[in-house]
């Protein structure tokens, strides 16, 4: 939120667009220990969605952006970053061998935006592309696991627990794909795709100084799986519309 003041000054914005307090809270339903309800926190560069059913919480979609990107070199930014400012796991870091690098780079030109965009359901639910974790050695797989766990921990420990479970469930059924350059300052995009979730990230605007990233749950975005189970067990036989 505090970063909004930087482009506000640069762009001579009145505060109508670049406003660090222009965020909205929306509640869907009535907060309850038993009945489903949800809430959203949304504004410029942020959209966090939470669905609660009988005390269980699903967060998703979980969207963050960052502009500008202070700290390490511009290309060395991304959701895999901790406060220590480590370089991200990229093909050019020699974590992958030459053939794996070729396989992971699915397009030499960086995608202009995260591919999921603002779609109601996460895209890319078909055959994944990129390099398979099943073909990685242990060192490579550990590096990819660290990337996934860093993204998973951007929420509270309680909510992150579901993400960690999904990571463990996926095991090596994971694909890493990259587009764009691999040198500091290059425009770039990457994604981590599993059968359960998708991490989508780009740094392609403002000379690779503007990050978009999102965690999408293929079955749980907007609490879809929790709501389906609730309607199946709580309303079966009373309203067939709930069971569809």
C-alpha atoms as a PDB file:
ATOM      1  CA  UNK A   1       0.000   0.000   0.000  1.00  0.00           C
ATOM      2  CA  UNK A   2       2.806   2.405   0.847  1.00  0.00           C
ATOM      3  CA  UNK A   3       4.303   1.927  -2.626  1.00  0.00           C
ATOM      4  CA  UNK A   4       1.270   3.662  -4.141  1.00  0.00           C
ATOM      5  CA  UNK A   5       2.825   6.989  -3.174  1.00  0.00           C
ATOM      6  CA  UNK A   6       5.782   6.387  -5.493  1.00  0.00           C
ATOM      7  CA  UNK A   7       3.884   6.239  -8.831  1.00  0.00           C
ATOM      8  CA  UNK A   8       1.478   8.897  -7.499  1.00  0.00           C
ATOM      9  CA  UNK A   9       4.374  11.347  -7.322  1.00  0.00           C
ATOM     10  CA  UNK A  10       5.952  10.205 -10.597  1.00  0.00           C
ATOM     11  CA  UNK A  11       2.653  10.363 -12.491  1.00  0.00           C
ATOM     12  CA  UNK A  12       1.446  13.558 -10.808  1.00  0.00           C
ATOM     13  CA  UNK A  13      -1.719  11.720  -9.852  1.00  0.00           C
ATOM     14  CA  UNK A  14      -4.295  13.598  -7.788  1.00  0.00           C
ATOM     15  CA  UNK A  15      -4.793  10.619  -5.519  1.00  0.00           C
ATOM     16  CA  UNK A  16      -7.895   9.459  -7.318  1.00  0.00           C
ATOM     17  CA  UNK A  17      -6.105   6.434  -8.789  1.00  0.00           C
ATOM     18  CA  UNK A  18      -2.895   6.152  -6.752  1.00  0.00           C
ATOM     19  CA  UNK A  19      -4.409   6.170  -3.300  1.00  0.00           C
ATOM     20  CA  UNK A  20      -2.908   3.973  -0.529  1.00  0.00           C
ATOM     21  CA  UNK A  21      -6.266   3.971   1.284  1.00  0.00           C
ATOM     22  CA  UNK A  22      -8.447   3.092  -1.699  1.00  0.00           C
ATOM     23  CA  UNK A  23      -9.164  -0.495  -0.691  1.00  0.00           C
ATOM     24  CA  UNK A  24     -12.543  -2.114  -0.201  1.00  0.00           C
ATOM     25  CA  UNK A  25     -13.942  -4.797   2.093  1.00  0.00           C
ATOM     26  CA  UNK A  26     -16.905  -6.788   0.783  1.00  0.00           C
ATOM     27  CA  UNK A  27     -18.841  -9.363   2.807  1.00  0.00           C
ATOM     28  CA  UNK A  28     -20.992 -12.047   1.143  1.00  0.00           C
ATOM     29  CA  UNK A  29     -23.629 -13.580   3.405  1.00  0.00           C
ATOM     30  CA  UNK A  30     -23.660 -13.236   7.170  1.00  0.00           C
ATOM     31  CA  UNK A  31     -20.639 -14.278   9.242  1.00  0.00           C
ATOM     32  CA  UNK A  32     -21.585 -17.595  10.814  1.00  0.00           C
ATOM     33  CA  UNK A  33     -20.130 -20.647  12.522  1.00  0.00           C
ATOM     34  CA  UNK A  34     -22.351 -22.933  10.434  1.00  0.00           C
ATOM     35  CA  UNK A  35     -23.670 -21.197   7.303  1.00  0.00           C
ATOM     36  CA  UNK A  36     -21.330 -20.401   4.389  1.00  0.00           C
ATOM     37  CA  UNK A  37     -20.087 -16.835   4.022  1.00  0.00           C
ATOM     38  CA  UNK A  38     -17.190 -15.034   2.372  1.00  0.00           C
ATOM     39  CA  UNK A  39     -15.323 -11.772   2.264  1.00  0.00           C
ATOM     40  CA  UNK A  40     -12.977  -9.964  -0.096  1.00  0.00           C
ATOM     41  CA  UNK A  41     -10.242  -7.367   0.364  1.00  0.00           C
ATOM     42  CA  UNK A  42      -9.577  -5.607  -2.909  1.00  0.00           C
ATOM     43  CA  UNK A  43      -7.953  -2.519  -4.350  1.00  0.00           C
ATOM     44  CA  UNK A  44      -5.160  -1.492  -6.668  1.00  0.00           C
ATOM     45  CA  UNK A  45      -2.631  -4.315  -6.863  1.00  0.00           C
ATOM     46  CA  UNK A  46      -4.495  -6.514  -4.389  1.00  0.00           C
ATOM     47  CA  UNK A  47      -7.356  -9.022  -4.403  1.00  0.00           C
ATOM     48  CA  UNK A  48      -7.722 -11.494  -1.545  1.00  0.00           C
ATOM     49  CA  UNK A  49     -10.786 -13.752  -1.384  1.00  0.00           C
ATOM     50  CA  UNK A  50     -11.818 -15.907   1.584  1.00  0.00           C
ATOM     51  CA  UNK A  51     -14.671 -18.395   1.840  1.00  0.00           C
ATOM     52  CA  UNK A  52     -15.626 -19.885   5.211  1.00  0.00           C
ATOM     53  CA  UNK A  53     -17.773 -22.991   5.629  1.00  0.00           C
ATOM     54  CA  UNK A  54     -18.214 -24.518   9.089  1.00  0.00           C
ATOM     55  CA  UNK A  55     -14.947 -23.024  10.284  1.00  0.00           C
ATOM     56  CA  UNK A  56     -12.919 -24.149   7.265  1.00  0.00           C
ATOM     57  CA  UNK A  57     -11.300 -21.406   5.222  1.00  0.00           C
ATOM     58  CA  UNK A  58     -10.200 -21.333   1.600  1.00  0.00           C
ATOM     59  CA  UNK A  59      -8.274 -18.367   0.280  1.00  0.00           C
ATOM     60  CA  UNK A  60      -8.413 -17.918  -3.430  1.00  0.00           C
ATOM     61  CA  UNK A  61      -7.893 -16.427  -5.800  1.00  0.00           C
ATOM     62  CA  UNK A  62      -4.993 -14.720  -4.018  1.00  0.00           C
ATOM     63  CA  UNK A  63      -3.604 -11.907  -6.130  1.00  0.00           C
ATOM     64  CA  UNK A  64      -0.713  -9.553  -5.341  1.00  0.00           C
ATOM     65  CA  UNK A  65       1.103  -6.979  -7.433  1.00  0.00           C
ATOM     66  CA  UNK A  66       4.033  -4.749  -6.670  1.00  0.00           C
ATOM     67  CA  UNK A  67       5.141  -1.517  -8.307  1.00  0.00           C
ATOM     68  CA  UNK A  68       7.879  -0.433  -8.155  1.00  0.00           C
ATOM     69  CA  UNK A  69      10.103  -3.293  -7.019  1.00  0.00           C
ATOM     70  CA  UNK A  70      12.760  -1.973  -4.640  1.00  0.00           C
ATOM     71  CA  UNK A  71      15.583  -4.138  -3.406  1.00  0.00           C
ATOM     72  CA  UNK A  72      17.436  -6.615  -5.641  1.00  0.00           C
ATOM     73  CA  UNK A  73      17.852  -6.037  -9.409  1.00  0.00           C
ATOM     74  CA  UNK A  74      14.554  -5.720 -11.199  1.00  0.00           C
ATOM     75  CA  UNK A  75      14.608  -9.173 -12.779  1.00  0.00           C
ATOM     76  CA  UNK A  76      15.493 -10.658  -9.407  1.00  0.00           C
ATOM     77  CA  UNK A  77      12.020 -10.108  -8.019  1.00  0.00           C
ATOM     78  CA  UNK A  78       8.986 -12.310  -7.706  1.00  0.00           C
ATOM     79  CA  UNK A  79       6.718 -14.149  -5.341  1.00  0.00           C
ATOM     80  CA  UNK A  80       9.575 -16.517  -4.536  1.00  0.00           C
ATOM     81  CA  UNK A  81      11.390 -13.697  -2.786  1.00  0.00           C
ATOM     82  CA  UNK A  82      11.890 -13.519   0.938  1.00  0.00           C
ATOM     83  CA  UNK A  83      12.984 -10.432   2.819  1.00  0.00           C
ATOM     84  CA  UNK A  84      16.545 -11.620   2.289  1.00  0.00           C
ATOM     85  CA  UNK A  85      16.353 -10.675  -1.383  1.00  0.00           C
ATOM     86  CA  UNK A  86      17.441 -13.977  -2.906  1.00  0.00           C
ATOM     87  CA  UNK A  87      17.479 -14.387  -6.674  1.00  0.00           C
ATOM     88  CA  UNK A  88      14.492 -16.350  -7.922  1.00  0.00           C
ATOM     89  CA  UNK A  89      14.683 -19.829  -9.352  1.00  0.00           C
ATOM     90  CA  UNK A  90      15.187 -19.088 -13.046  1.00  0.00           C
ATOM     91  CA  UNK A  91      16.596 -21.060 -15.985  1.00  0.00           C
ATOM     92  CA  UNK A  92      19.631 -18.784 -16.185  1.00  0.00           C
ATOM     93  CA  UNK A  93      20.714 -19.570 -12.637  1.00  0.00           C
ATOM     94  CA  UNK A  94      22.122 -22.922 -13.808  1.00  0.00           C
ATOM     95  CA  UNK A  95      19.799 -24.841 -11.540  1.00  0.00           C
ATOM     96  CA  UNK A  96      18.641 -26.656 -14.669  1.00  0.00           C
ATOM     97  CA  UNK A  97      20.867 -28.387 -17.178  1.00  0.00           C
ATOM     98  CA  UNK A  98      20.952 -27.214 -20.785  1.00  0.00           C
ATOM     99  CA  UNK A  99      18.185 -29.506 -22.020  1.00  0.00           C
ATOM    100  CA  UNK A 100      15.936 -28.684 -19.058  1.00  0.00           C
ATOM    101  CA  UNK A 101      16.441 -24.983 -19.721  1.00  0.00           C
ATOM    102  CA  UNK A 102      15.310 -25.420 -23.318  1.00  0.00           C
ATOM    103  CA  UNK A 103      12.257 -27.365 -22.156  1.00  0.00           C
ATOM    104  CA  UNK A 104      11.304 -24.881 -19.444  1.00  0.00           C
ATOM    105  CA  UNK A 105      11.375 -21.812 -21.737  1.00  0.00           C
ATOM    106  CA  UNK A 106       8.045 -22.127 -23.526  1.00  0.00           C
ATOM    107  CA  UNK A 107       8.308 -18.755 -25.266  1.00  0.00           C
ATOM    108  CA  UNK A 108      11.389 -16.541 -25.800  1.00  0.00           C
ATOM    109  CA  UNK A 109       9.125 -13.482 -25.501  1.00  0.00           C
ATOM    110  CA  UNK A 110       7.658 -12.794 -22.061  1.00  0.00           C
ATOM    111  CA  UNK A 111       3.883 -12.952 -21.836  1.00  0.00           C
ATOM    112  CA  UNK A 112       2.488  -9.471 -21.303  1.00  0.00           C
ATOM    113  CA  UNK A 113       0.311 -10.531 -18.372  1.00  0.00           C
ATOM    114  CA  UNK A 114      -0.382 -13.466 -16.077  1.00  0.00           C
ATOM    115  CA  UNK A 115      -2.374 -15.917 -18.179  1.00  0.00           C
ATOM    116  CA  UNK A 116      -5.128 -16.389 -15.604  1.00  0.00           C
ATOM    117  CA  UNK A 117      -5.930 -12.661 -15.771  1.00  0.00           C
ATOM    118  CA  UNK A 118      -9.329 -12.014 -14.144  1.00  0.00           C
ATOM    119  CA  UNK A 119     -10.984 -15.239 -15.292  1.00  0.00           C
ATOM    120  CA  UNK A 120     -13.635 -16.791 -13.044  1.00  0.00           C
ATOM    121  CA  UNK A 121     -11.807 -20.126 -13.122  1.00  0.00           C
ATOM    122  CA  UNK A 122      -8.075 -20.644 -13.385  1.00  0.00           C
ATOM    123  CA  UNK A 123      -6.897 -21.302 -16.914  1.00  0.00           C
ATOM    124  CA  UNK A 124      -4.303 -23.890 -17.934  1.00  0.00           C
ATOM    125  CA  UNK A 125      -6.185 -26.802 -16.425  1.00  0.00           C
ATOM    126  CA  UNK A 126      -5.204 -29.021 -19.333  1.00  0.00           C
ATOM    127  CA  UNK A 127      -1.844 -30.513 -20.257  1.00  0.00           C
ATOM    128  CA  UNK A 128       0.913 -28.496 -18.533  1.00  0.00           C
ATOM    129  CA  UNK A 129       4.020 -27.302 -20.341  1.00  0.00           C
ATOM    130  CA  UNK A 130       7.583 -26.656 -19.292  1.00  0.00           C
ATOM    131  CA  UNK A 131       9.994 -28.916 -17.469  1.00  0.00           C
ATOM    132  CA  UNK A 132       8.631 -31.718 -15.285  1.00  0.00           C
ATOM    133  CA  UNK A 133       9.727 -32.044 -11.671  1.00  0.00           C
ATOM    134  CA  UNK A 134       9.728 -35.801 -12.228  1.00  0.00           C
ATOM    135  CA  UNK A 135      12.863 -35.296 -14.336  1.00  0.00           C
ATOM    136  CA  UNK A 136      14.668 -33.114 -11.804  1.00  0.00           C
ATOM    137  CA  UNK A 137      17.405 -34.255  -9.476  1.00  0.00           C
ATOM    138  CA  UNK A 138      16.995 -33.717  -5.745  1.00  0.00           C
ATOM    139  CA  UNK A 139      18.800 -30.376  -5.678  1.00  0.00           C
ATOM    140  CA  UNK A 140      16.616 -29.022  -8.477  1.00  0.00           C
ATOM    141  CA  UNK A 141      13.444 -30.341  -6.895  1.00  0.00           C
ATOM    142  CA  UNK A 142      14.371 -28.817  -3.525  1.00  0.00           C
ATOM    143  CA  UNK A 143      14.840 -25.429  -5.212  1.00  0.00           C
ATOM    144  CA  UNK A 144      11.421 -25.691  -6.862  1.00  0.00           C
ATOM    145  CA  UNK A 145       9.868 -26.772  -3.553  1.00  0.00           C
ATOM    146  CA  UNK A 146      11.337 -23.697  -1.858  1.00  0.00           C
ATOM    147  CA  UNK A 147       9.688 -21.522  -4.505  1.00  0.00           C
ATOM    148  CA  UNK A 148       6.282 -23.136  -3.940  1.00  0.00           C
ATOM    149  CA  UNK A 149       6.559 -22.915  -0.162  1.00  0.00           C
ATOM    150  CA  UNK A 150       7.563 -19.237  -0.324  1.00  0.00           C
ATOM    151  CA  UNK A 151       4.392 -18.533  -2.289  1.00  0.00           C
ATOM    152  CA  UNK A 152       2.317 -20.652   0.084  1.00  0.00           C
ATOM    153  CA  UNK A 153       3.486 -18.703   3.132  1.00  0.00           C
ATOM    154  CA  UNK A 154       2.147 -15.340   1.959  1.00  0.00           C
ATOM    155  CA  UNK A 155      -0.959 -15.949   4.071  1.00  0.00           C
ATOM    156  CA  UNK A 156      -1.421 -16.836   7.750  1.00  0.00           C
ATOM    157  CA  UNK A 157      -0.076 -20.167   8.978  1.00  0.00           C
ATOM    158  CA  UNK A 158      -3.572 -21.585   9.450  1.00  0.00           C
ATOM    159  CA  UNK A 159      -4.648 -20.773   5.912  1.00  0.00           C
ATOM    160  CA  UNK A 160      -1.261 -21.698   4.452  1.00  0.00           C
ATOM    161  CA  UNK A 161      -1.740 -25.207   5.828  1.00  0.00           C
ATOM    162  CA  UNK A 162      -4.076 -26.084   2.951  1.00  0.00           C
ATOM    163  CA  UNK A 163      -1.525 -24.862   0.437  1.00  0.00           C
ATOM    164  CA  UNK A 164       1.229 -26.937   2.035  1.00  0.00           C
ATOM    165  CA  UNK A 165      -1.050 -29.982   1.913  1.00  0.00           C
ATOM    166  CA  UNK A 166      -1.573 -29.382  -1.810  1.00  0.00           C
ATOM    167  CA  UNK A 167       2.171 -29.065  -2.365  1.00  0.00           C
ATOM    168  CA  UNK A 168       2.762 -32.371  -0.576  1.00  0.00           C
ATOM    169  CA  UNK A 169      -0.097 -34.017  -2.452  1.00  0.00           C
ATOM    170  CA  UNK A 170       1.291 -32.939  -5.827  1.00  0.00           C
ATOM    171  CA  UNK A 171       4.720 -34.381  -5.060  1.00  0.00           C
ATOM    172  CA  UNK A 172       6.686 -34.389  -8.294  1.00  0.00           C
ATOM    173  CA  UNK A 173       3.589 -33.943 -10.443  1.00  0.00           C
ATOM    174  CA  UNK A 174       4.666 -30.341 -11.028  1.00  0.00           C
ATOM    175  CA  UNK A 175       5.703 -28.403 -14.128  1.00  0.00           C
ATOM    176  CA  UNK A 176       7.787 -25.235 -14.248  1.00  0.00           C
ATOM    177  CA  UNK A 177       7.464 -22.978 -17.308  1.00  0.00           C
ATOM    178  CA  UNK A 178       9.233 -19.731 -18.200  1.00  0.00           C
ATOM    179  CA  UNK A 179       8.889 -17.103 -20.924  1.00  0.00           C
ATOM    180  CA  UNK A 180      11.108 -14.142 -21.686  1.00  0.00           C
ATOM    181  CA  UNK A 181      14.717 -13.425 -20.819  1.00  0.00           C
ATOM    182  CA  UNK A 182      16.775 -14.859 -17.997  1.00  0.00           C
ATOM    183  CA  UNK A 183      19.228 -12.004 -17.410  1.00  0.00           C
ATOM    184  CA  UNK A 184      18.806  -9.222 -14.823  1.00  0.00           C
ATOM    185  CA  UNK A 185      16.549  -6.540 -16.260  1.00  0.00           C
ATOM    186  CA  UNK A 186      14.870  -8.836 -18.822  1.00  0.00           C
ATOM    187  CA  UNK A 187      11.087  -8.988 -19.043  1.00  0.00           C
ATOM    188  CA  UNK A 188      10.015 -12.406 -17.798  1.00  0.00           C
ATOM    189  CA  UNK A 189       7.151 -14.649 -16.746  1.00  0.00           C
ATOM    190  CA  UNK A 190       6.937 -17.995 -15.004  1.00  0.00           C
ATOM    191  CA  UNK A 191       4.354 -20.418 -13.716  1.00  0.00           C
ATOM    192  CA  UNK A 192       4.267 -23.471 -11.478  1.00  0.00           C
ATOM    193  CA  UNK A 193       1.455 -25.844 -12.399  1.00  0.00           C
ATOM    194  CA  UNK A 194       0.161 -28.871 -10.486  1.00  0.00           C
ATOM    195  CA  UNK A 195      -3.151 -30.765 -10.680  1.00  0.00           C
ATOM    196  CA  UNK A 196      -4.317 -28.828  -7.584  1.00  0.00           C
ATOM    197  CA  UNK A 197      -3.064 -25.274  -7.968  1.00  0.00           C
ATOM    198  CA  UNK A 198      -1.342 -22.788 -10.226  1.00  0.00           C
ATOM    199  CA  UNK A 199       1.208 -20.068  -9.444  1.00  0.00           C
ATOM    200  CA  UNK A 200       1.242 -17.435 -12.193  1.00  0.00           C
ATOM    201  CA  UNK A 201       3.747 -14.546 -12.150  1.00  0.00           C
ATOM    202  CA  UNK A 202       4.917 -11.882 -14.579  1.00  0.00           C
ATOM    203  CA  UNK A 203       7.329  -8.968 -14.433  1.00  0.00           C
ATOM    204  CA  UNK A 204       6.828  -7.362 -17.834  1.00  0.00           C
ATOM    205  CA  UNK A 205       5.724  -3.774 -17.259  1.00  0.00           C
ATOM    206  CA  UNK A 206       7.773  -0.645 -16.560  1.00  0.00           C
ATOM    207  CA  UNK A 207      11.013  -2.278 -17.725  1.00  0.00           C
ATOM    208  CA  UNK A 208      10.602  -5.309 -15.445  1.00  0.00           C
ATOM    209  CA  UNK A 209       9.797  -3.178 -12.438  1.00  0.00           C
ATOM    210  CA  UNK A 210       6.148  -4.167 -11.959  1.00  0.00           C
ATOM    211  CA  UNK A 211       5.129  -7.616 -10.700  1.00  0.00           C
ATOM    212  CA  UNK A 212       1.798  -9.424 -10.952  1.00  0.00           C
ATOM    213  CA  UNK A 213       1.382 -12.748  -9.167  1.00  0.00           C
ATOM    214  CA  UNK A 214      -1.511 -15.005  -8.258  1.00  0.00           C
ATOM    215  CA  UNK A 215      -2.188 -18.326  -6.535  1.00  0.00           C
ATOM    216  CA  UNK A 216      -5.170 -20.125  -8.107  1.00  0.00           C
ATOM    217  CA  UNK A 217      -6.824 -23.241  -6.696  1.00  0.00           C
ATOM    218  CA  UNK A 218      -8.281 -25.406  -9.464  1.00  0.00           C
ATOM    219  CA  UNK A 219     -11.076 -26.785  -7.278  1.00  0.00           C
ATOM    220  CA  UNK A 220     -11.220 -24.340  -4.383  1.00  0.00           C
ATOM    221  CA  UNK A 221     -11.234 -20.823  -5.819  1.00  0.00           C
ATOM    222  CA  UNK A 222     -14.076 -18.835  -4.251  1.00  0.00           C
ATOM    223  CA  UNK A 223     -14.631 -21.824  -1.941  1.00  0.00           C
ATOM    224  CA  UNK A 224     -16.087 -23.938  -4.727  1.00  0.00           C
ATOM    225  CA  UNK A 225     -15.195 -27.329  -3.258  1.00  0.00           C
ATOM    226  CA  UNK A 226     -16.206 -26.391   0.305  1.00  0.00           C
ATOM    227  CA  UNK A 227     -19.544 -25.048  -0.910  1.00  0.00           C
ATOM    228  CA  UNK A 228     -20.183 -28.100  -3.058  1.00  0.00           C
ATOM    229  CA  UNK A 229     -19.538 -30.414  -0.120  1.00  0.00           C
ATOM    230  CA  UNK A 230     -21.725 -28.283   2.161  1.00  0.00           C
ATOM    231  CA  UNK A 231     -24.666 -28.360  -0.238  1.00  0.00           C
ATOM    232  CA  UNK A 232     -24.201 -32.074  -0.905  1.00  0.00           C
ATOM    233  CA  UNK A 233     -24.270 -33.039   2.777  1.00  0.00           C
ATOM    234  CA  UNK A 234     -26.562 -30.366   4.212  1.00  0.00           C
ATOM    235  CA  UNK A 235     -29.205 -29.942   1.532  1.00  0.00           C
ATOM    236  CA  UNK A 236     -29.396 -33.323  -0.194  1.00  0.00           C
ATOM    237  CA  UNK A 237     -33.005 -34.106  -0.950  1.00  0.00           C
ATOM    238  CA  UNK A 238     -34.268 -30.657   0.041  1.00  0.00           C
ATOM    239  CA  UNK A 239     -33.230 -28.650  -2.967  1.00  0.00           C
ATOM    240  CA  UNK A 240     -31.831 -30.415  -6.003  1.00  0.00           C
ATOM    241  CA  UNK A 241     -30.443 -27.153  -7.328  1.00  0.00           C
ATOM    242  CA  UNK A 242     -27.792 -27.237  -4.612  1.00  0.00           C
ATOM    243  CA  UNK A 243     -26.435 -30.610  -5.675  1.00  0.00           C
ATOM    244  CA  UNK A 244     -25.673 -29.688  -9.292  1.00  0.00           C
END
